[in-house]
Amino acid sequence: MKSRERVNRAIHFQGPDRPPISHAILPSAQYHYGQALKEITDAVPEDFGWGLLPDLPVEKLPALYKYGYNRDDFGTLWHVSEQGRCGIPVEFPIPENYENYQNYRWPEFSAGVPKYRLYSGHMNGKSEDYYARGGWIVFFEQMQQLHGFTATMMDLASDRKEIHQLRDDLLEFNMKWLDKWLANDYQGLHFADDWGSQKALLISPEKWRSFFKPVYKAMFDKVKAAGLDVWFHSDGCITKILPDLLELGVDVLNCQASVIGPENLKPYAGKICFRTDIDRQHVLPFVSPAEVKRYVFNLFDTLGTPQGGIIACGEVIEDVPIENIRAMYEAFMEYHY
């Protein structure tokens, strides 16, 4: 079975021959482990064209991954303490009082899609054998990067009129950006916003539904109308909005099962496909390779079905021992429905 068919069957519960495998390796891990990591990934039958992507030299890293202080296309200043690890925004182009907001200039689309994001798939159908997943399209996080986390949260709490304007302007920007993504040969587009803390949603579910849910609906509807799958990532405890994500038409969900609790996600098995998150807080960095494998098998048994519903994935940074990275991928390849 070719990769594209395998992924499509897994997402839509049509009986793939095995769970498709997706890499989620941060550049910092690649720089840290070098050839030893490459030997592991080269042996993995990956299903999203990872091997078709060009190497990303340090000088071409986007601002949020490049060591030091660098400004992105939006005008946000990032501080990155470890080369290739996502940094922290420290200076924002839209001040707390929105002074001169009317003069803010959004980035231009000079080369298909803005250059400040890493691609999450191969561009424009380099191989028809693979499922091409594009984008890493953020909204709530982009608001924070434009306006600052504290200011954004305070404005949401007070329902400040300017935060509504920022939301509407960003949606207009993203809808135009989606036109650029949809002009390429992708089968799915990936959206992402970290909505959960360790224990709860960052804002009330009611506020999320009134302020942000219409935004996601507009973006997801556009993607679905073009015949593509919608992928969504969110860290943290997002239990309260899981039914909403299902209602909005999310096809593939990448969430922290260990934070939410696999037993709380089990009712969604067979209703949504999970791009798995292998516990990065307690498992991958700390346990034995044998325990990594047991965790993977148990998670897949809980979230998957005999008809599919699993994209085998685990995010890797440089604090994960190389033997645990190897064990994770061996478990991915050994698992059968």
C-alpha atoms as a PDB file:
ATOM      1  CA  MET A   1       0.000   0.000   0.000  1.00  0.00           C
ATOM      2  CA  LYS A   2       1.426   3.402  -0.968  1.00  0.00           C
ATOM      3  CA  SER A   3       1.776   6.076   1.668  1.00  0.00           C
ATOM      4  CA  ARG A   4      -0.945   8.381   0.390  1.00  0.00           C
ATOM      5  CA  GLU A   5      -3.523   5.600   0.358  1.00  0.00           C
ATOM      6  CA  ARG A   6      -2.376   4.402   3.801  1.00  0.00           C
ATOM      7  CA  VAL A   7      -2.830   7.869   5.312  1.00  0.00           C
ATOM      8  CA  ASN A   8      -6.203   8.429   3.683  1.00  0.00           C
ATOM      9  CA  ARG A   9      -7.431   5.057   4.914  1.00  0.00           C
ATOM     10  CA  ALA A  10      -6.184   5.747   8.453  1.00  0.00           C
ATOM     11  CA  ILE A  11      -7.854   9.179   8.614  1.00  0.00           C
ATOM     12  CA  HIS A  12     -11.177   8.001   7.226  1.00  0.00           C
ATOM     13  CA  PHE A  13     -11.323   4.589   8.946  1.00  0.00           C
ATOM     14  CA  GLN A  14     -11.049   2.498   5.803  1.00  0.00           C
ATOM     15  CA  GLY A  15      -8.584  -0.141   7.001  1.00  0.00           C
ATOM     16  CA  PRO A  16      -4.927   0.782   6.353  1.00  0.00           C
ATOM     17  CA  ASP A  17      -2.344  -2.004   6.372  1.00  0.00           C
ATOM     18  CA  ARG A  18      -0.574  -0.322   9.331  1.00  0.00           C
ATOM     19  CA  PRO A  19      -0.627   3.041  11.136  1.00  0.00           C
ATOM     20  CA  PRO A  20       1.050   5.703   8.992  1.00  0.00           C
ATOM     21  CA  ILE A  21       4.179   7.219  10.540  1.00  0.00           C
ATOM     22  CA  SER A  22       4.786  10.960  10.818  1.00  0.00           C
ATOM     23  CA  HIS A  23       8.012  12.570  12.046  1.00  0.00           C
ATOM     24  CA  ALA A  24       7.884  15.432  14.568  1.00  0.00           C
ATOM     25  CA  ILE A  25      11.569  16.054  15.152  1.00  0.00           C
ATOM     26  CA  LEU A  26      12.571  19.552  16.193  1.00  0.00           C
ATOM     27  CA  PRO A  27      15.630  21.004  14.469  1.00  0.00           C
ATOM     28  CA  SER A  28      17.386  21.158  17.862  1.00  0.00           C
ATOM     29  CA  ALA A  29      17.286  17.334  18.068  1.00  0.00           C
ATOM     30  CA  GLN A  30      18.672  17.045  14.543  1.00  0.00           C
ATOM     31  CA  TYR A  31      21.548  19.379  15.395  1.00  0.00           C
ATOM     32  CA  HIS A  32      22.169  17.583  18.707  1.00  0.00           C
ATOM     33  CA  TYR A  33      22.211  13.976  17.481  1.00  0.00           C
ATOM     34  CA  GLY A  34      23.288  14.468  13.879  1.00  0.00           C
ATOM     35  CA  GLN A  35      24.074  11.289  11.965  1.00  0.00           C
ATOM     36  CA  ALA A  36      22.940   8.962  14.771  1.00  0.00           C
ATOM     37  CA  LEU A  37      19.395  10.336  14.515  1.00  0.00           C
ATOM     38  CA  LYS A  38      19.488  10.376  10.732  1.00  0.00           C
ATOM     39  CA  GLU A  39      20.313   6.668  10.691  1.00  0.00           C
ATOM     40  CA  ILE A  40      17.183   5.986  12.756  1.00  0.00           C
ATOM     41  CA  THR A  41      14.859   8.123  10.652  1.00  0.00           C
ATOM     42  CA  ASP A  42      16.318   6.801   7.391  1.00  0.00           C
ATOM     43  CA  ALA A  43      15.234   3.316   8.458  1.00  0.00           C
ATOM     44  CA  VAL A  44      11.650   4.402   9.163  1.00  0.00           C
ATOM     45  CA  PRO A  45       9.020   3.974   6.414  1.00  0.00           C
ATOM     46  CA  GLU A  46       7.677   7.511   6.887  1.00  0.00           C
ATOM     47  CA  ASP A  47       4.437   8.387   5.067  1.00  0.00           C
ATOM     48  CA  PHE A  48       4.537  12.171   4.617  1.00  0.00           C
ATOM     49  CA  GLY A  49       7.543  12.770   2.393  1.00  0.00           C
ATOM     50  CA  TRP A  50       9.981  13.684   5.184  1.00  0.00           C
ATOM     51  CA  GLY A  51      12.855  12.454   3.015  1.00  0.00           C
ATOM     52  CA  LEU A  52      11.721  14.736   0.209  1.00  0.00           C
ATOM     53  CA  LEU A  53      12.222  17.885   2.301  1.00  0.00           C
ATOM     54  CA  PRO A  54      15.488  19.755   1.790  1.00  0.00           C
ATOM     55  CA  ASP A  55      17.863  20.062   4.740  1.00  0.00           C
ATOM     56  CA  LEU A  56      17.299  23.298   6.638  1.00  0.00           C
ATOM     57  CA  PRO A  57      20.650  25.030   7.218  1.00  0.00           C
ATOM     58  CA  VAL A  58      20.977  27.173  10.315  1.00  0.00           C
ATOM     59  CA  GLU A  59      21.047  30.418   8.358  1.00  0.00           C
ATOM     60  CA  LYS A  60      17.630  29.613   6.845  1.00  0.00           C
ATOM     61  CA  LEU A  61      15.887  28.826  10.124  1.00  0.00           C
ATOM     62  CA  PRO A  62      12.873  31.081  10.741  1.00  0.00           C
ATOM     63  CA  ALA A  63      13.131  33.599  13.566  1.00  0.00           C
ATOM     64  CA  LEU A  64      11.321  31.424  16.087  1.00  0.00           C
ATOM     65  CA  TYR A  65      14.018  28.704  15.720  1.00  0.00           C
ATOM     66  CA  LYS A  66      17.163  30.754  15.064  1.00  0.00           C
ATOM     67  CA  TYR A  67      19.562  31.276  17.970  1.00  0.00           C
ATOM     68  CA  GLY A  68      19.645  34.728  19.536  1.00  0.00           C
ATOM     69  CA  TYR A  69      17.280  37.629  18.895  1.00  0.00           C
ATOM     70  CA  ASN A  70      15.586  37.720  15.497  1.00  0.00           C
ATOM     71  CA  ARG A  71      12.487  39.403  14.105  1.00  0.00           C
ATOM     72  CA  ASP A  72       9.910  37.548  12.013  1.00  0.00           C
ATOM     73  CA  ASP A  73       7.871  38.826   9.058  1.00  0.00           C
ATOM     74  CA  PHE A  74       5.134  40.126  11.373  1.00  0.00           C
ATOM     75  CA  GLY A  75       7.616  42.276  13.267  1.00  0.00           C
ATOM     76  CA  THR A  76       7.700  40.115  16.409  1.00  0.00           C
ATOM     77  CA  LEU A  77      11.098  39.809  18.109  1.00  0.00           C
ATOM     78  CA  TRP A  78      11.988  36.255  19.187  1.00  0.00           C
ATOM     79  CA  HIS A  79      14.567  35.077  21.707  1.00  0.00           C
ATOM     80  CA  VAL A  80      15.875  31.566  21.047  1.00  0.00           C
ATOM     81  CA  SER A  81      18.218  30.098  23.658  1.00  0.00           C
ATOM     82  CA  GLU A  82      18.921  26.786  21.901  1.00  0.00           C
ATOM     83  CA  GLN A  83      19.477  26.609  18.154  1.00  0.00           C
ATOM     84  CA  GLY A  84      16.512  24.890  16.526  1.00  0.00           C
ATOM     85  CA  ARG A  85      14.236  24.913  19.587  1.00  0.00           C
ATOM     86  CA  CYS A  86      11.143  27.120  19.463  1.00  0.00           C
ATOM     87  CA  GLY A  87      11.876  30.400  21.213  1.00  0.00           C
ATOM     88  CA  ILE A  88       9.864  32.996  23.095  1.00  0.00           C
ATOM     89  CA  PRO A  89       8.437  36.220  21.637  1.00  0.00           C
ATOM     90  CA  VAL A  90       9.770  39.159  23.660  1.00  0.00           C
ATOM     91  CA  GLU A  91       8.744  42.254  21.687  1.00  0.00           C
ATOM     92  CA  PHE A  92       5.448  42.796  19.903  1.00  0.00           C
ATOM     93  CA  PRO A  93       4.523  45.040  16.953  1.00  0.00           C
ATOM     94  CA  ILE A  94       1.043  45.937  18.271  1.00  0.00           C
ATOM     95  CA  PRO A  95       1.379  47.730  21.650  1.00  0.00           C
ATOM     96  CA  GLU A  96      -0.963  47.290  24.614  1.00  0.00           C
ATOM     97  CA  ASN A  97      -2.765  50.556  23.855  1.00  0.00           C
ATOM     98  CA  TYR A  98      -3.010  49.758  20.116  1.00  0.00           C
ATOM     99  CA  GLU A  99      -1.231  53.033  19.326  1.00  0.00           C
ATOM    100  CA  ASN A 100      -0.936  53.483  15.539  1.00  0.00           C
ATOM    101  CA  TYR A 101      -2.540  50.075  14.952  1.00  0.00           C
ATOM    102  CA  GLN A 102      -4.163  51.531  11.844  1.00  0.00           C
ATOM    103  CA  ASN A 103      -0.662  51.862  10.368  1.00  0.00           C
ATOM    104  CA  TYR A 104       0.349  48.239  10.988  1.00  0.00           C
ATOM    105  CA  ARG A 105       1.331  46.447   7.776  1.00  0.00           C
ATOM    106  CA  TRP A 106       0.663  42.726   7.444  1.00  0.00           C
ATOM    107  CA  PRO A 107       3.286  40.515   5.729  1.00  0.00           C
ATOM    108  CA  GLU A 108       3.169  40.159   1.973  1.00  0.00           C
ATOM    109  CA  PHE A 109       2.867  36.854   0.116  1.00  0.00           C
ATOM    110  CA  SER A 110       5.837  37.260  -2.171  1.00  0.00           C
ATOM    111  CA  ALA A 111       6.664  33.589  -2.704  1.00  0.00           C
ATOM    112  CA  GLY A 112       3.498  31.559  -2.411  1.00  0.00           C
ATOM    113  CA  VAL A 113       3.417  31.368   1.376  1.00  0.00           C
ATOM    114  CA  PRO A 114       5.185  33.503   3.981  1.00  0.00           C
ATOM    115  CA  LYS A 115       8.690  32.323   4.804  1.00  0.00           C
ATOM    116  CA  TYR A 116       8.453  32.588   8.579  1.00  0.00           C
ATOM    117  CA  ARG A 117       6.942  29.140   9.101  1.00  0.00           C
ATOM    118  CA  LEU A 118       8.483  25.723   8.585  1.00  0.00           C
ATOM    119  CA  TYR A 119       6.633  23.602   6.071  1.00  0.00           C
ATOM    120  CA  SER A 120       4.922  20.530   7.436  1.00  0.00           C
ATOM    121  CA  GLY A 121       4.992  18.427   4.294  1.00  0.00           C
ATOM    122  CA  HIS A 122       6.457  18.460   0.831  1.00  0.00           C
ATOM    123  CA  MET A 123       5.554  21.235  -1.559  1.00  0.00           C
ATOM    124  CA  ASN A 124       3.480  20.971  -4.691  1.00  0.00           C
ATOM    125  CA  GLY A 125       3.317  17.201  -5.065  1.00  0.00           C
ATOM    126  CA  LYS A 126       6.983  16.230  -5.394  1.00  0.00           C
ATOM    127  CA  SER A 127       5.830  12.614  -5.192  1.00  0.00           C
ATOM    128  CA  GLU A 128       2.301  11.433  -5.778  1.00  0.00           C
ATOM    129  CA  ASP A 129       3.047   8.437  -3.540  1.00  0.00           C
ATOM    130  CA  TYR A 130       2.961  10.562  -0.387  1.00  0.00           C
ATOM    131  CA  TYR A 131       0.217  12.368   1.499  1.00  0.00           C
ATOM    132  CA  ALA A 132       1.220  16.039   1.414  1.00  0.00           C
ATOM    133  CA  ARG A 133       0.353  17.922   4.606  1.00  0.00           C
ATOM    134  CA  GLY A 134       0.984  21.651   4.502  1.00  0.00           C
ATOM    135  CA  GLY A 135       0.769  24.565   6.861  1.00  0.00           C
ATOM    136  CA  TRP A 136       1.179  25.210  10.546  1.00  0.00           C
ATOM    137  CA  ILE A 137      -1.478  27.870  10.727  1.00  0.00           C
ATOM    138  CA  VAL A 138      -1.926  29.513  14.117  1.00  0.00           C
ATOM    139  CA  PHE A 139      -4.483  32.059  15.267  1.00  0.00           C
ATOM    140  CA  PHE A 140      -4.679  32.474  19.066  1.00  0.00           C
ATOM    141  CA  GLU A 141      -0.889  32.131  19.216  1.00  0.00           C
ATOM    142  CA  GLN A 142      -0.467  34.636  16.395  1.00  0.00           C
ATOM    143  CA  MET A 143      -2.570  37.137  18.331  1.00  0.00           C
ATOM    144  CA  GLN A 144      -0.222  36.689  21.291  1.00  0.00           C
ATOM    145  CA  GLN A 145       2.833  37.090  19.061  1.00  0.00           C
ATOM    146  CA  LEU A 146       1.417  40.316  17.653  1.00  0.00           C
ATOM    147  CA  HIS A 147       0.080  41.819  20.879  1.00  0.00           C
ATOM    148  CA  GLY A 148       1.706  39.902  23.762  1.00  0.00           C
ATOM    149  CA  PHE A 149       0.246  37.145  25.920  1.00  0.00           C
ATOM    150  CA  THR A 150      -0.727  39.285  28.914  1.00  0.00           C
ATOM    151  CA  ALA A 151      -2.263  42.067  26.834  1.00  0.00           C
ATOM    152  CA  THR A 152      -4.196  39.581  24.703  1.00  0.00           C
ATOM    153  CA  MET A 153      -5.600  37.740  27.725  1.00  0.00           C
ATOM    154  CA  MET A 154      -6.548  40.978  29.491  1.00  0.00           C
ATOM    155  CA  ASP A 155      -8.289  42.275  26.386  1.00  0.00           C
ATOM    156  CA  LEU A 156     -10.219  39.017  26.008  1.00  0.00           C
ATOM    157  CA  ALA A 157     -11.295  39.185  29.645  1.00  0.00           C
ATOM    158  CA  SER A 158     -12.477  42.794  29.332  1.00  0.00           C
ATOM    159  CA  ASP A 159     -13.942  42.242  25.849  1.00  0.00           C
ATOM    160  CA  ARG A 160     -12.057  45.267  24.582  1.00  0.00           C
ATOM    161  CA  LYS A 161     -13.326  46.384  21.194  1.00  0.00           C
ATOM    162  CA  GLU A 162      -9.816  46.511  19.710  1.00  0.00           C
ATOM    163  CA  ILE A 163      -9.292  42.799  20.347  1.00  0.00           C
ATOM    164  CA  HIS A 164     -12.323  42.140  18.142  1.00  0.00           C
ATOM    165  CA  GLN A 165     -10.727  44.248  15.408  1.00  0.00           C
ATOM    166  CA  LEU A 166      -7.440  42.360  15.736  1.00  0.00           C
ATOM    167  CA  ARG A 167      -9.311  39.064  15.504  1.00  0.00           C
ATOM    168  CA  ASP A 168     -11.182  40.142  12.381  1.00  0.00           C
ATOM    169  CA  ASP A 169      -8.064  41.524  10.706  1.00  0.00           C
ATOM    170  CA  LEU A 170      -6.089  38.365  11.452  1.00  0.00           C
ATOM    171  CA  LEU A 171      -8.903  36.216  10.085  1.00  0.00           C
ATOM    172  CA  GLU A 172      -8.899  38.230   6.874  1.00  0.00           C
ATOM    173  CA  PHE A 173      -5.124  37.738   6.659  1.00  0.00           C
ATOM    174  CA  ASN A 174      -5.378  33.991   7.289  1.00  0.00           C
ATOM    175  CA  MET A 175      -8.151  33.508   4.747  1.00  0.00           C
ATOM    176  CA  LYS A 176      -5.929  35.086   2.088  1.00  0.00           C
ATOM    177  CA  TRP A 177      -3.035  32.947   3.271  1.00  0.00           C
ATOM    178  CA  LEU A 178      -5.193  29.848   2.911  1.00  0.00           C
ATOM    179  CA  ASP A 179      -5.762  30.752  -0.740  1.00  0.00           C
ATOM    180  CA  LYS A 180      -1.993  30.418  -1.231  1.00  0.00           C
ATOM    181  CA  TRP A 181      -1.827  27.045   0.505  1.00  0.00           C
ATOM    182  CA  LEU A 182      -4.852  25.745  -1.400  1.00  0.00           C
ATOM    183  CA  ALA A 183      -3.238  26.663  -4.715  1.00  0.00           C
ATOM    184  CA  ASN A 184      -0.677  23.913  -4.062  1.00  0.00           C
ATOM    185  CA  ASP A 185      -1.127  20.155  -4.258  1.00  0.00           C
ATOM    186  CA  TYR A 186      -1.896  19.239  -0.649  1.00  0.00           C
ATOM    187  CA  GLN A 187      -4.222  16.628   0.780  1.00  0.00           C
ATOM    188  CA  GLY A 188      -4.424  18.237   4.224  1.00  0.00           C
ATOM    189  CA  LEU A 189      -3.635  21.489   6.027  1.00  0.00           C
ATOM    190  CA  HIS A 190      -2.406  21.685   9.606  1.00  0.00           C
ATOM    191  CA  PHE A 191      -3.712  24.244  12.103  1.00  0.00           C
ATOM    192  CA  ALA A 192      -2.333  24.718  15.604  1.00  0.00           C
ATOM    193  CA  ASP A 193      -3.040  26.649  18.798  1.00  0.00           C
ATOM    194  CA  ASP A 194      -2.088  25.578  22.312  1.00  0.00           C
ATOM    195  CA  TRP A 195      -5.357  26.024  24.181  1.00  0.00           C
ATOM    196  CA  GLY A 196      -4.807  24.094  27.390  1.00  0.00           C
ATOM    197  CA  SER A 197      -2.894  24.455  30.599  1.00  0.00           C
ATOM    198  CA  GLN A 198      -1.942  21.332  32.509  1.00  0.00           C
ATOM    199  CA  LYS A 199      -5.435  21.175  34.065  1.00  0.00           C
ATOM    200  CA  ALA A 200      -7.898  23.270  32.083  1.00  0.00           C
ATOM    201  CA  LEU A 201      -8.613  25.495  29.087  1.00  0.00           C
ATOM    202  CA  LEU A 202      -6.788  28.844  29.137  1.00  0.00           C
ATOM    203  CA  ILE A 203     -10.059  30.750  28.777  1.00  0.00           C
ATOM    204  CA  SER A 204     -13.630  29.754  29.548  1.00  0.00           C
ATOM    205  CA  PRO A 205     -15.271  27.365  27.072  1.00  0.00           C
ATOM    206  CA  GLU A 206     -18.042  29.934  26.609  1.00  0.00           C
ATOM    207  CA  LYS A 207     -15.560  32.638  25.606  1.00  0.00           C
ATOM    208  CA  TRP A 208     -13.787  30.198  23.300  1.00  0.00           C
ATOM    209  CA  ARG A 209     -17.070  29.377  21.577  1.00  0.00           C
ATOM    210  CA  SER A 210     -18.236  32.958  21.169  1.00  0.00           C
ATOM    211  CA  PHE A 211     -14.929  34.540  20.173  1.00  0.00           C
ATOM    212  CA  PHE A 212     -12.765  31.865  18.520  1.00  0.00           C
ATOM    213  CA  LYS A 213     -15.030  29.076  17.308  1.00  0.00           C
ATOM    214  CA  PRO A 214     -16.445  31.188  14.431  1.00  0.00           C
ATOM    215  CA  VAL A 215     -12.873  31.904  13.317  1.00  0.00           C
ATOM    216  CA  TYR A 216     -11.986  28.228  13.147  1.00  0.00           C
ATOM    217  CA  LYS A 217     -15.261  27.479  11.389  1.00  0.00           C
ATOM    218  CA  ALA A 218     -14.483  30.022   8.657  1.00  0.00           C
ATOM    219  CA  MET A 219     -10.977  28.634   8.097  1.00  0.00           C
ATOM    220  CA  PHE A 220     -11.904  24.959   8.345  1.00  0.00           C
ATOM    221  CA  ASP A 221     -14.929  25.350   6.064  1.00  0.00           C
ATOM    222  CA  LYS A 222     -12.695  26.871   3.411  1.00  0.00           C
ATOM    223  CA  VAL A 223     -10.283  23.940   3.596  1.00  0.00           C
ATOM    224  CA  LYS A 224     -13.041  21.329   3.622  1.00  0.00           C
ATOM    225  CA  ALA A 225     -14.772  22.981   0.655  1.00  0.00           C
ATOM    226  CA  ALA A 226     -11.536  22.527  -1.290  1.00  0.00           C
ATOM    227  CA  GLY A 227     -11.612  18.801  -0.504  1.00  0.00           C
ATOM    228  CA  LEU A 228      -8.721  18.737   1.980  1.00  0.00           C
ATOM    229  CA  ASP A 229      -8.486  17.220   5.445  1.00  0.00           C
ATOM    230  CA  VAL A 230      -8.249  19.512   8.478  1.00  0.00           C
ATOM    231  CA  TRP A 231      -5.496  18.720  10.988  1.00  0.00           C
ATOM    232  CA  PHE A 232      -5.439  20.443  14.375  1.00  0.00           C
ATOM    233  CA  HIS A 233      -2.810  20.541  17.126  1.00  0.00           C
ATOM    234  CA  SER A 234      -3.277  21.730  20.681  1.00  0.00           C
ATOM    235  CA  ASP A 235      -1.230  21.056  23.787  1.00  0.00           C
ATOM    236  CA  GLY A 236      -2.721  20.997  27.270  1.00  0.00           C
ATOM    237  CA  CYS A 237      -6.041  19.903  28.715  1.00  0.00           C
ATOM    238  CA  ILE A 238      -8.637  20.684  26.039  1.00  0.00           C
ATOM    239  CA  THR A 239     -11.360  18.265  27.188  1.00  0.00           C
ATOM    240  CA  LYS A 240     -14.054  20.967  27.242  1.00  0.00           C
ATOM    241  CA  ILE A 241     -13.721  21.786  23.527  1.00  0.00           C
ATOM    242  CA  LEU A 242     -13.206  18.299  22.104  1.00  0.00           C
ATOM    243  CA  PRO A 243     -16.867  18.037  21.016  1.00  0.00           C
ATOM    244  CA  ASP A 244     -16.544  21.448  19.343  1.00  0.00           C
ATOM    245  CA  LEU A 245     -13.483  20.363  17.351  1.00  0.00           C
ATOM    246  CA  LEU A 246     -15.387  17.309  16.185  1.00  0.00           C
ATOM    247  CA  GLU A 247     -18.350  19.495  15.225  1.00  0.00           C
ATOM    248  CA  LEU A 248     -16.057  21.869  13.321  1.00  0.00           C
ATOM    249  CA  GLY A 249     -14.929  18.996  11.109  1.00  0.00           C
ATOM    250  CA  VAL A 250     -11.410  18.329  12.386  1.00  0.00           C
ATOM    251  CA  ASP A 251     -10.245  15.114  10.735  1.00  0.00           C
ATOM    252  CA  VAL A 252      -6.951  14.612  12.575  1.00  0.00           C
ATOM    253  CA  LEU A 253      -6.286  15.762  16.140  1.00  0.00           C
ATOM    254  CA  ASN A 254      -2.829  16.017  17.721  1.00  0.00           C
ATOM    255  CA  CYS A 255      -3.360  16.496  21.463  1.00  0.00           C
ATOM    256  CA  GLN A 256      -1.571  15.524  24.672  1.00  0.00           C
ATOM    257  CA  ALA A 257      -3.218  12.248  25.588  1.00  0.00           C
ATOM    258  CA  SER A 258      -1.134  11.966  28.752  1.00  0.00           C
ATOM    259  CA  VAL A 259      -2.432  15.340  30.012  1.00  0.00           C
ATOM    260  CA  ILE A 260      -6.063  14.788  29.018  1.00  0.00           C
ATOM    261  CA  GLY A 261      -6.015  11.112  29.963  1.00  0.00           C
ATOM    262  CA  PRO A 262      -6.254   8.378  27.307  1.00  0.00           C
ATOM    263  CA  GLU A 263      -9.440   7.100  28.980  1.00  0.00           C
ATOM    264  CA  ASN A 264     -11.047  10.521  28.367  1.00  0.00           C
ATOM    265  CA  LEU A 265     -10.135  10.317  24.697  1.00  0.00           C
ATOM    266  CA  LYS A 266     -11.294   6.735  24.180  1.00  0.00           C
ATOM    267  CA  PRO A 267     -14.947   7.791  23.507  1.00  0.00           C
ATOM    268  CA  TYR A 268     -13.629   9.635  20.428  1.00  0.00           C
ATOM    269  CA  ALA A 269     -11.927   6.551  18.990  1.00  0.00           C
ATOM    270  CA  GLY A 270     -13.533   5.859  15.651  1.00  0.00           C
ATOM    271  CA  LYS A 271     -14.884   9.419  15.384  1.00  0.00           C
ATOM    272  CA  ILE A 272     -11.639  11.318  14.826  1.00  0.00           C
ATOM    273  CA  CYS A 273      -8.146  10.260  13.803  1.00  0.00           C
ATOM    274  CA  PHE A 274      -5.385  10.909  16.357  1.00  0.00           C
ATOM    275  CA  ARG A 275      -1.919  12.025  15.369  1.00  0.00           C
ATOM    276  CA  THR A 276      -0.459  10.686  18.570  1.00  0.00           C
ATOM    277  CA  ASP A 277       1.619  12.557  21.114  1.00  0.00           C
ATOM    278  CA  ILE A 278       3.965  10.261  23.022  1.00  0.00           C
ATOM    279  CA  ASP A 279       4.249  11.593  26.585  1.00  0.00           C
ATOM    280  CA  ARG A 280       7.088  14.137  26.557  1.00  0.00           C
ATOM    281  CA  GLN A 281       6.831  14.970  30.264  1.00  0.00           C
ATOM    282  CA  HIS A 282       7.203  11.583  31.927  1.00  0.00           C
ATOM    283  CA  VAL A 283       7.835   8.886  29.322  1.00  0.00           C
ATOM    284  CA  LEU A 284      10.154   9.716  26.433  1.00  0.00           C
ATOM    285  CA  PRO A 285      12.910  11.493  28.400  1.00  0.00           C
ATOM    286  CA  PHE A 286      12.943   9.264  31.482  1.00  0.00           C
ATOM    287  CA  VAL A 287      11.792   5.650  31.123  1.00  0.00           C
ATOM    288  CA  SER A 288      13.475   2.613  29.613  1.00  0.00           C
ATOM    289  CA  PRO A 289      13.159   1.688  25.909  1.00  0.00           C
ATOM    290  CA  ALA A 290      10.953  -1.284  26.870  1.00  0.00           C
ATOM    291  CA  GLU A 291       8.612   1.031  28.780  1.00  0.00           C
ATOM    292  CA  VAL A 292       8.463   3.395  25.785  1.00  0.00           C
ATOM    293  CA  LYS A 293       7.249   0.509  23.653  1.00  0.00           C
ATOM    294  CA  ARG A 294       4.626  -0.545  26.188  1.00  0.00           C
ATOM    295  CA  TYR A 295       3.337   3.021  26.386  1.00  0.00           C
ATOM    296  CA  VAL A 296       3.044   3.273  22.586  1.00  0.00           C
ATOM    297  CA  PHE A 297       1.189  -0.045  22.246  1.00  0.00           C
ATOM    298  CA  ASN A 298      -1.262   0.821  25.050  1.00  0.00           C
ATOM    299  CA  LEU A 299      -1.919   4.288  23.635  1.00  0.00           C
ATOM    300  CA  PHE A 300      -2.580   2.962  20.137  1.00  0.00           C
ATOM    301  CA  ASP A 301      -4.892   0.271  21.510  1.00  0.00           C
ATOM    302  CA  THR A 302      -6.868   2.952  23.378  1.00  0.00           C
ATOM    303  CA  LEU A 303      -7.156   5.593  20.644  1.00  0.00           C
ATOM    304  CA  GLY A 304      -7.266   3.471  17.501  1.00  0.00           C
ATOM    305  CA  THR A 305      -9.746   1.042  15.957  1.00  0.00           C
ATOM    306  CA  PRO A 306      -9.314  -2.006  13.698  1.00  0.00           C
ATOM    307  CA  GLN A 307     -10.309   0.305  10.810  1.00  0.00           C
ATOM    308  CA  GLY A 308      -7.659   2.959  11.550  1.00  0.00           C
ATOM    309  CA  GLY A 309      -7.692   6.256  13.387  1.00  0.00           C
ATOM    310  CA  ILE A 310      -3.995   6.477  14.298  1.00  0.00           C
ATOM    311  CA  ILE A 311      -1.160   8.514  12.789  1.00  0.00           C
ATOM    312  CA  ALA A 312       1.934   7.272  14.627  1.00  0.00           C
ATOM    313  CA  CYS A 313       3.832  10.329  15.830  1.00  0.00           C
ATOM    314  CA  GLY A 314       5.946  11.459  18.782  1.00  0.00           C
ATOM    315  CA  GLU A 315       7.651  14.830  19.136  1.00  0.00           C
ATOM    316  CA  VAL A 316      11.388  14.601  19.722  1.00  0.00           C
ATOM    317  CA  ILE A 317      13.699  17.222  21.175  1.00  0.00           C
ATOM    318  CA  GLU A 318      17.276  16.865  22.331  1.00  0.00           C
ATOM    319  CA  ASP A 319      16.401  15.733  25.867  1.00  0.00           C
ATOM    320  CA  VAL A 320      15.070  12.374  24.613  1.00  0.00           C
ATOM    321  CA  PRO A 321      17.739   9.636  24.814  1.00  0.00           C
ATOM    322  CA  ILE A 322      18.639   8.236  21.412  1.00  0.00           C
ATOM    323  CA  GLU A 323      17.740   4.690  22.541  1.00  0.00           C
ATOM    324  CA  ASN A 324      14.214   5.876  23.435  1.00  0.00           C
ATOM    325  CA  ILE A 325      13.836   7.543  20.033  1.00  0.00           C
ATOM    326  CA  ARG A 326      14.791   4.240  18.447  1.00  0.00           C
ATOM    327  CA  ALA A 327      12.360   2.306  20.672  1.00  0.00           C
ATOM    328  CA  MET A 328       9.509   4.673  19.802  1.00  0.00           C
ATOM    329  CA  TYR A 329       9.984   4.157  16.075  1.00  0.00           C
ATOM    330  CA  GLU A 330      10.394   0.401  16.493  1.00  0.00           C
ATOM    331  CA  ALA A 331       7.050   0.350  18.303  1.00  0.00           C
ATOM    332  CA  PHE A 332       5.470   2.363  15.485  1.00  0.00           C
ATOM    333  CA  MET A 333       6.667  -0.194  12.959  1.00  0.00           C
ATOM    334  CA  GLU A 334       5.805  -3.255  15.049  1.00  0.00           C
ATOM    335  CA  TYR A 335       2.242  -2.243  15.943  1.00  0.00           C
ATOM    336  CA  HIS A 336      -0.629  -3.910  14.113  1.00  0.00           C
ATOM    337  CA  TYR A 337      -4.349  -3.238  14.418  1.00  0.00           C
END
